Amino acid sequence: MPAFFKIFATVLLLFNGTGAIYGGLSLMIFPDGSHLKMSVDWLQNTTFKDYFIPGLVLFVANGCFSVVVLTAIWLKHPHSSWLVIAQGAILSGWIIIQILLIQTVYYLHFILGGVGLSLILIGYLLTTTKYALVHNNPYQSAY
């Protein structure tokens, strides 16, 4: 079962990471949002005048960190499951803050919010599965 979780986490992290790297770079290079067909009007209730800073945060927090977490998983770092939880929390927080700031809900918010929550759940399951396997606890299932 841990192999399934590892593969599922990898797919979700690749989806999140590639999208965040692409989106973040696009917003930094084209801070008016034109490349992604985003209106600067969405920023009227925020402290941002353009998308450069949100793009930078997106690039680092969701893009680069997803790559770090993927690397930790595949190098079998002992805390990789906690990093998966952290990335899920960062992504979920990003989506919640974005909705609150722009005061608009878009279909991608549901998709990426689901990815964030799924990463949190998978990370938790990886953590409990590792515990059960390491400690040979007969009362805790490895499934």
N, C-alpha and C. Protein backbone atom coordinates (compact mmCIF):
# COMPACT_ATOMS: atom_id res chain seq x y z
N MET A 1 0.79 -1.21 0.00
CA MET A 1 0.00 0.00 0.00
C MET A 1 0.84 1.28 0.00
N PRO A 2 1.96 1.35 0.73
CA PRO A 2 2.75 2.58 0.69
C PRO A 2 3.22 2.94 -0.72
N ALA A 3 3.47 1.94 -1.57
CA ALA A 3 3.89 2.23 -2.94
C ALA A 3 2.79 2.98 -3.70
N PHE A 4 1.54 2.60 -3.48
CA PHE A 4 0.42 3.30 -4.11
C PHE A 4 0.36 4.75 -3.66
N PHE A 5 0.52 4.98 -2.36
CA PHE A 5 0.49 6.34 -1.83
C PHE A 5 1.63 7.17 -2.40
N LYS A 6 2.80 6.54 -2.51
CA LYS A 6 3.98 7.22 -3.05
C LYS A 6 3.74 7.64 -4.50
N ILE A 7 3.15 6.75 -5.29
CA ILE A 7 2.86 7.06 -6.69
C ILE A 7 1.79 8.13 -6.80
N PHE A 8 0.73 8.03 -5.99
CA PHE A 8 -0.35 9.01 -6.02
C PHE A 8 0.16 10.39 -5.59
N ALA A 9 0.99 10.43 -4.55
CA ALA A 9 1.58 11.69 -4.11
C ALA A 9 2.46 12.27 -5.21
N THR A 10 3.21 11.43 -5.89
CA THR A 10 4.07 11.88 -6.98
C THR A 10 3.26 12.52 -8.10
N VAL A 11 2.17 11.88 -8.48
CA VAL A 11 1.31 12.43 -9.54
C VAL A 11 0.74 13.78 -9.13
N LEU A 12 0.24 13.87 -7.90
CA LEU A 12 -0.34 15.13 -7.43
C LEU A 12 0.72 16.23 -7.32
N LEU A 13 1.91 15.87 -6.83
CA LEU A 13 2.99 16.86 -6.71
C LEU A 13 3.48 17.32 -8.08
N LEU A 14 3.53 16.41 -9.04
CA LEU A 14 3.92 16.80 -10.41
C LEU A 14 2.88 17.74 -11.01
N PHE A 15 1.61 17.43 -10.81
CA PHE A 15 0.53 18.28 -11.31
C PHE A 15 0.63 19.67 -10.68
N ASN A 16 0.73 19.71 -9.37
CA ASN A 16 0.81 20.99 -8.67
C ASN A 16 2.10 21.73 -9.03
N GLY A 17 3.21 21.03 -9.00
CA GLY A 17 4.51 21.67 -9.24
C GLY A 17 4.65 22.23 -10.63
N THR A 18 4.28 21.45 -11.64
CA THR A 18 4.43 21.96 -13.02
C THR A 18 3.49 23.14 -13.27
N GLY A 19 2.27 23.04 -12.76
CA GLY A 19 1.32 24.14 -12.92
C GLY A 19 1.80 25.40 -12.21
N ALA A 20 2.33 25.23 -11.00
CA ALA A 20 2.78 26.39 -10.21
C ALA A 20 4.05 27.00 -10.81
N ILE A 21 4.94 26.18 -11.32
CA ILE A 21 6.16 26.73 -11.95
C ILE A 21 5.78 27.49 -13.21
N TYR A 22 4.93 26.89 -14.03
CA TYR A 22 4.48 27.56 -15.26
C TYR A 22 3.71 28.84 -14.92
N GLY A 23 2.74 28.73 -14.03
CA GLY A 23 1.92 29.89 -13.67
C GLY A 23 2.74 30.97 -12.99
N GLY A 24 3.60 30.58 -12.06
CA GLY A 24 4.43 31.54 -11.34
C GLY A 24 5.37 32.28 -12.27
N LEU A 25 6.04 31.54 -13.16
CA LEU A 25 6.93 32.18 -14.12
C LEU A 25 6.16 33.11 -15.06
N SER A 26 5.01 32.66 -15.51
CA SER A 26 4.18 33.49 -16.40
C SER A 26 3.79 34.80 -15.72
N LEU A 27 3.42 34.72 -14.46
CA LEU A 27 3.01 35.92 -13.74
C LEU A 27 4.20 36.84 -13.44
N MET A 28 5.38 36.26 -13.25
CA MET A 28 6.56 37.10 -13.01
C MET A 28 7.03 37.77 -14.31
N ILE A 29 6.97 37.05 -15.42
CA ILE A 29 7.42 37.60 -16.70
C ILE A 29 6.39 38.58 -17.26
N PHE A 30 5.12 38.26 -17.10
CA PHE A 30 4.01 39.12 -17.56
C PHE A 30 3.17 39.50 -16.34
N PRO A 31 3.64 40.43 -15.51
CA PRO A 31 2.94 40.74 -14.27
C PRO A 31 1.55 41.37 -14.45
N ASP A 32 1.21 41.73 -15.67
CA ASP A 32 -0.15 42.23 -15.91
C ASP A 32 -1.15 41.10 -16.06
N GLY A 33 -0.68 39.85 -16.03
CA GLY A 33 -1.55 38.68 -16.12
C GLY A 33 -1.99 38.33 -17.53
N SER A 34 -1.52 39.08 -18.52
CA SER A 34 -2.00 38.91 -19.90
C SER A 34 -1.69 37.52 -20.47
N HIS A 35 -0.56 36.95 -20.11
CA HIS A 35 -0.18 35.65 -20.65
C HIS A 35 -1.15 34.55 -20.22
N LEU A 36 -1.70 34.70 -19.02
CA LEU A 36 -2.65 33.71 -18.49
C LEU A 36 -4.09 34.19 -18.59
N LYS A 37 -4.27 35.29 -19.31
CA LYS A 37 -5.61 35.88 -19.50
C LYS A 37 -6.28 36.20 -18.16
N MET A 38 -5.49 36.78 -17.26
CA MET A 38 -5.99 37.19 -15.95
C MET A 38 -6.05 38.71 -15.90
N SER A 39 -7.14 39.22 -15.41
CA SER A 39 -7.33 40.66 -15.32
C SER A 39 -6.68 41.21 -14.04
N VAL A 40 -6.03 42.35 -14.16
CA VAL A 40 -5.46 43.02 -13.00
C VAL A 40 -6.58 43.53 -12.09
N ASP A 41 -7.79 43.64 -12.61
CA ASP A 41 -8.94 44.05 -11.81
C ASP A 41 -9.19 43.11 -10.63
N TRP A 42 -8.78 41.85 -10.77
CA TRP A 42 -8.95 40.89 -9.69
C TRP A 42 -8.15 41.30 -8.45
N LEU A 43 -7.15 42.15 -8.64
CA LEU A 43 -6.29 42.55 -7.54
C LEU A 43 -6.76 43.81 -6.83
N GLN A 44 -7.90 44.35 -7.23
CA GLN A 44 -8.35 45.63 -6.69
C GLN A 44 -8.58 45.61 -5.18
N ASN A 45 -8.93 44.48 -4.60
CA ASN A 45 -9.15 44.39 -3.15
C ASN A 45 -7.93 43.87 -2.40
N THR A 46 -6.77 43.89 -3.05
CA THR A 46 -5.54 43.41 -2.44
C THR A 46 -4.54 44.55 -2.35
N THR A 47 -3.40 44.25 -1.79
CA THR A 47 -2.33 45.25 -1.71
C THR A 47 -1.40 45.20 -2.93
N PHE A 48 -1.70 44.31 -3.88
CA PHE A 48 -0.84 44.14 -5.05
C PHE A 48 -1.30 45.01 -6.21
N LYS A 49 -0.34 45.61 -6.91
CA LYS A 49 -0.67 46.40 -8.10
C LYS A 49 -0.57 45.55 -9.37
N ASP A 50 0.19 44.46 -9.28
CA ASP A 50 0.29 43.52 -10.39
C ASP A 50 0.53 42.12 -9.82
N TYR A 51 0.78 41.15 -10.71
CA TYR A 51 0.88 39.74 -10.30
C TYR A 51 2.30 39.27 -10.02
N PHE A 52 3.29 40.17 -10.01
CA PHE A 52 4.66 39.71 -9.83
C PHE A 52 4.86 39.00 -8.49
N ILE A 53 4.50 39.64 -7.39
CA ILE A 53 4.70 39.04 -6.06
C ILE A 53 3.86 37.77 -5.89
N PRO A 54 2.57 37.78 -6.24
CA PRO A 54 1.83 36.51 -6.16
C PRO A 54 2.46 35.41 -7.03
N GLY A 55 2.98 35.79 -8.20
CA GLY A 55 3.65 34.82 -9.07
C GLY A 55 4.90 34.25 -8.44
N LEU A 56 5.66 35.11 -7.77
CA LEU A 56 6.88 34.67 -7.09
C LEU A 56 6.54 33.70 -5.96
N VAL A 57 5.53 34.05 -5.17
CA VAL A 57 5.11 33.17 -4.07
C VAL A 57 4.60 31.83 -4.62
N LEU A 58 3.80 31.89 -5.67
CA LEU A 58 3.30 30.67 -6.31
C LEU A 58 4.47 29.80 -6.80
N PHE A 59 5.42 30.42 -7.47
CA PHE A 59 6.58 29.71 -8.02
C PHE A 59 7.37 29.01 -6.92
N VAL A 60 7.64 29.73 -5.82
CA VAL A 60 8.47 29.17 -4.75
C VAL A 60 7.68 28.19 -3.87
N ALA A 61 6.54 28.64 -3.34
CA ALA A 61 5.81 27.86 -2.34
C ALA A 61 5.15 26.61 -2.91
N ASN A 62 4.62 26.70 -4.12
CA ASN A 62 3.94 25.54 -4.70
C ASN A 62 4.75 24.86 -5.79
N GLY A 63 5.55 25.62 -6.52
CA GLY A 63 6.35 25.03 -7.60
C GLY A 63 7.63 24.39 -7.09
N CYS A 64 8.53 25.23 -6.58
CA CYS A 64 9.84 24.73 -6.12
C CYS A 64 9.70 23.77 -4.95
N PHE A 65 8.79 24.08 -4.01
CA PHE A 65 8.65 23.19 -2.86
C PHE A 65 8.10 21.83 -3.28
N SER A 66 7.25 21.78 -4.30
CA SER A 66 6.77 20.48 -4.80
C SER A 66 7.94 19.65 -5.31
N VAL A 67 8.89 20.30 -5.97
CA VAL A 67 10.08 19.59 -6.46
C VAL A 67 10.91 19.07 -5.29
N VAL A 68 11.04 19.88 -4.24
CA VAL A 68 11.77 19.44 -3.04
C VAL A 68 11.09 18.22 -2.42
N VAL A 69 9.77 18.27 -2.32
CA VAL A 69 9.02 17.16 -1.71
C VAL A 69 9.14 15.90 -2.58
N LEU A 70 9.03 16.06 -3.89
CA LEU A 70 9.21 14.91 -4.80
C LEU A 70 10.58 14.27 -4.61
N THR A 71 11.59 15.11 -4.53
CA THR A 71 12.96 14.62 -4.34
C THR A 71 13.06 13.87 -3.01
N ALA A 72 12.47 14.41 -1.96
CA ALA A 72 12.50 13.75 -0.65
C ALA A 72 11.82 12.38 -0.70
N ILE A 73 10.69 12.31 -1.41
CA ILE A 73 9.99 11.03 -1.53
C ILE A 73 10.87 10.00 -2.22
N TRP A 74 11.43 10.36 -3.34
CA TRP A 74 12.19 9.40 -4.12
C TRP A 74 13.56 9.07 -3.53
N LEU A 75 14.07 9.97 -2.68
CA LEU A 75 15.32 9.66 -1.97
C LEU A 75 15.04 8.98 -0.62
N LYS A 76 13.76 8.73 -0.35
CA LYS A 76 13.31 8.04 0.87
C LYS A 76 13.76 8.78 2.13
N HIS A 77 13.64 10.10 2.10
CA HIS A 77 13.95 10.90 3.28
C HIS A 77 12.99 10.49 4.40
N PRO A 78 13.48 10.35 5.63
CA PRO A 78 12.61 9.87 6.71
C PRO A 78 11.42 10.79 7.02
N HIS A 79 11.49 12.04 6.64
CA HIS A 79 10.38 12.96 6.92
C HIS A 79 9.60 13.34 5.67
N SER A 80 9.74 12.56 4.62
CA SER A 80 9.07 12.91 3.36
C SER A 80 7.55 12.96 3.50
N SER A 81 6.98 12.09 4.33
CA SER A 81 5.52 12.11 4.49
C SER A 81 5.07 13.41 5.14
N TRP A 82 5.86 13.94 6.06
CA TRP A 82 5.53 15.23 6.68
C TRP A 82 5.66 16.37 5.67
N LEU A 83 6.60 16.25 4.76
CA LEU A 83 6.74 17.26 3.70
C LEU A 83 5.54 17.23 2.76
N VAL A 84 5.00 16.04 2.50
CA VAL A 84 3.79 15.92 1.68
C VAL A 84 2.63 16.65 2.37
N ILE A 85 2.50 16.43 3.68
CA ILE A 85 1.46 17.13 4.45
C ILE A 85 1.67 18.63 4.37
N ALA A 86 2.92 19.07 4.53
CA ALA A 86 3.22 20.51 4.48
C ALA A 86 2.85 21.10 3.12
N GLN A 87 3.19 20.40 2.03
CA GLN A 87 2.85 20.92 0.70
C GLN A 87 1.34 20.98 0.51
N GLY A 88 0.63 19.99 1.01
CA GLY A 88 -0.83 20.02 0.94
C GLY A 88 -1.40 21.19 1.71
N ALA A 89 -0.84 21.47 2.88
CA ALA A 89 -1.31 22.60 3.69
C ALA A 89 -0.98 23.93 3.01
N ILE A 90 0.20 24.03 2.42
CA ILE A 90 0.58 25.25 1.70
C ILE A 90 -0.35 25.48 0.53
N LEU A 91 -0.61 24.45 -0.25
CA LEU A 91 -1.49 24.58 -1.40
C LEU A 91 -2.91 24.93 -0.96
N SER A 92 -3.41 24.26 0.06
CA SER A 92 -4.77 24.55 0.55
C SER A 92 -4.85 25.98 1.07
N GLY A 93 -3.84 26.39 1.81
CA GLY A 93 -3.80 27.77 2.30
C GLY A 93 -3.74 28.78 1.18
N TRP A 94 -2.95 28.48 0.16
CA TRP A 94 -2.84 29.35 -1.02
C TRP A 94 -4.21 29.56 -1.66
N ILE A 95 -4.94 28.48 -1.82
CA ILE A 95 -6.26 28.55 -2.46
C ILE A 95 -7.23 29.35 -1.59
N ILE A 96 -7.25 29.09 -0.30
CA ILE A 96 -8.16 29.81 0.59
C ILE A 96 -7.84 31.31 0.59
N ILE A 97 -6.58 31.66 0.71
CA ILE A 97 -6.18 33.07 0.71
C ILE A 97 -6.52 33.72 -0.63
N GLN A 98 -6.28 33.00 -1.71
CA GLN A 98 -6.58 33.54 -3.05
C GLN A 98 -8.08 33.85 -3.18
N ILE A 99 -8.92 32.94 -2.75
CA ILE A 99 -10.37 33.15 -2.83
C ILE A 99 -10.78 34.36 -1.98
N LEU A 100 -10.21 34.45 -0.78
CA LEU A 100 -10.55 35.57 0.08
C LEU A 100 -10.09 36.91 -0.50
N LEU A 101 -8.90 36.92 -1.12
CA LEU A 101 -8.37 38.17 -1.66
C LEU A 101 -9.09 38.63 -2.93
N ILE A 102 -9.30 37.70 -3.85
CA ILE A 102 -9.92 38.13 -5.12
C ILE A 102 -11.44 38.08 -5.08
N GLN A 103 -11.98 37.49 -4.02
CA GLN A 103 -13.43 37.41 -3.81
C GLN A 103 -14.16 36.80 -5.01
N THR A 104 -13.52 35.79 -5.58
CA THR A 104 -14.08 35.06 -6.72
C THR A 104 -13.71 33.59 -6.57
N VAL A 105 -14.62 32.71 -6.93
CA VAL A 105 -14.32 31.28 -6.93
C VAL A 105 -14.32 30.80 -8.37
N TYR A 106 -13.25 30.12 -8.74
CA TYR A 106 -13.03 29.65 -10.10
C TYR A 106 -12.92 28.13 -10.03
N TYR A 107 -13.22 27.43 -11.11
CA TYR A 107 -13.21 25.96 -11.07
C TYR A 107 -11.86 25.39 -10.65
N LEU A 108 -10.76 26.09 -10.98
CA LEU A 108 -9.44 25.60 -10.57
C LEU A 108 -9.27 25.62 -9.06
N HIS A 109 -10.00 26.48 -8.37
CA HIS A 109 -9.92 26.50 -6.91
C HIS A 109 -10.40 25.16 -6.34
N PHE A 110 -11.44 24.59 -6.93
CA PHE A 110 -11.95 23.30 -6.46
C PHE A 110 -10.95 22.18 -6.77
N ILE A 111 -10.39 22.21 -7.97
CA ILE A 111 -9.43 21.18 -8.36
C ILE A 111 -8.19 21.23 -7.48
N LEU A 112 -7.58 22.42 -7.38
CA LEU A 112 -6.34 22.53 -6.60
C LEU A 112 -6.59 22.42 -5.10
N GLY A 113 -7.76 22.86 -4.65
CA GLY A 113 -8.11 22.63 -3.24
C GLY A 113 -8.21 21.15 -2.95
N GLY A 114 -8.78 20.39 -3.89
CA GLY A 114 -8.85 18.94 -3.74
C GLY A 114 -7.48 18.29 -3.75
N VAL A 115 -6.59 18.81 -4.58
CA VAL A 115 -5.21 18.29 -4.61
C VAL A 115 -4.54 18.55 -3.26
N GLY A 116 -4.72 19.75 -2.73
CA GLY A 116 -4.13 20.09 -1.43
C GLY A 116 -4.63 19.18 -0.32
N LEU A 117 -5.94 19.00 -0.26
CA LEU A 117 -6.51 18.13 0.77
C LEU A 117 -6.07 16.68 0.58
N SER A 118 -5.97 16.25 -0.68
CA SER A 118 -5.51 14.89 -0.96
C SER A 118 -4.06 14.69 -0.51
N LEU A 119 -3.22 15.69 -0.73
CA LEU A 119 -1.83 15.59 -0.28
C LEU A 119 -1.74 15.49 1.24
N ILE A 120 -2.57 16.27 1.93
CA ILE A 120 -2.59 16.18 3.39
C ILE A 120 -2.99 14.77 3.83
N LEU A 121 -4.04 14.21 3.22
CA LEU A 121 -4.50 12.87 3.57
C LEU A 121 -3.46 11.81 3.24
N ILE A 122 -2.88 11.89 2.05
CA ILE A 122 -1.86 10.91 1.66
C ILE A 122 -0.65 10.98 2.59
N GLY A 123 -0.21 12.20 2.89
CA GLY A 123 0.92 12.35 3.81
C GLY A 123 0.62 11.74 5.16
N TYR A 124 -0.60 11.96 5.65
CA TYR A 124 -1.01 11.37 6.93
C TYR A 124 -1.00 9.85 6.84
N LEU A 125 -1.56 9.31 5.77
CA LEU A 125 -1.59 7.85 5.61
C LEU A 125 -0.18 7.29 5.48
N LEU A 126 0.70 7.98 4.79
CA LEU A 126 2.09 7.54 4.69
C LEU A 126 2.75 7.55 6.07
N THR A 127 2.45 8.55 6.86
CA THR A 127 3.02 8.66 8.21
C THR A 127 2.55 7.51 9.08
N THR A 128 1.24 7.22 9.07
CA THR A 128 0.73 6.15 9.91
C THR A 128 1.15 4.79 9.40
N THR A 129 1.26 4.64 8.08
CA THR A 129 1.71 3.38 7.50
C THR A 129 3.17 3.13 7.86
N LYS A 130 4.00 4.16 7.77
CA LYS A 130 5.41 4.01 8.15
C LYS A 130 5.53 3.60 9.60
N TYR A 131 4.72 4.24 10.47
CA TYR A 131 4.74 3.91 11.89
C TYR A 131 4.37 2.45 12.11
N ALA A 132 3.32 2.00 11.46
CA ALA A 132 2.86 0.61 11.63
C ALA A 132 3.91 -0.37 11.13
N LEU A 133 4.55 -0.04 10.02
CA LEU A 133 5.54 -0.96 9.46
C LEU A 133 6.81 -0.98 10.30
N VAL A 134 7.23 0.17 10.81
CA VAL A 134 8.46 0.25 11.58
C VAL A 134 8.30 -0.40 12.96
N HIS A 135 7.16 -0.20 13.58
CA HIS A 135 6.97 -0.68 14.94
C HIS A 135 6.26 -2.03 15.03
N ASN A 136 5.91 -2.61 13.90
CA ASN A 136 5.23 -3.91 13.87
C ASN A 136 4.07 -3.96 14.85
N ASN A 137 3.27 -2.95 14.82
CA ASN A 137 2.11 -2.86 15.70
C ASN A 137 0.99 -3.71 15.11
N PRO A 138 0.64 -4.84 15.72
CA PRO A 138 -0.39 -5.72 15.14
C PRO A 138 -1.79 -5.10 15.17
N TYR A 139 -2.00 -4.05 15.97
CA TYR A 139 -3.32 -3.45 16.09
C TYR A 139 -3.50 -2.27 15.13
N GLN A 140 -2.43 -1.87 14.47
CA GLN A 140 -2.55 -0.79 13.51
C GLN A 140 -2.33 -1.37 12.12
N SER A 141 -3.30 -1.20 11.26
CA SER A 141 -3.23 -1.76 9.92
C SER A 141 -2.27 -0.98 9.05
N ALA A 142 -1.60 -1.66 8.17
CA ALA A 142 -0.71 -1.03 7.20
C ALA A 142 -1.46 -0.69 5.93
N TYR A 143 -2.79 -0.78 5.96
CA TYR A 143 -3.59 -0.49 4.77
C TYR A 143 -4.19 0.84 4.88
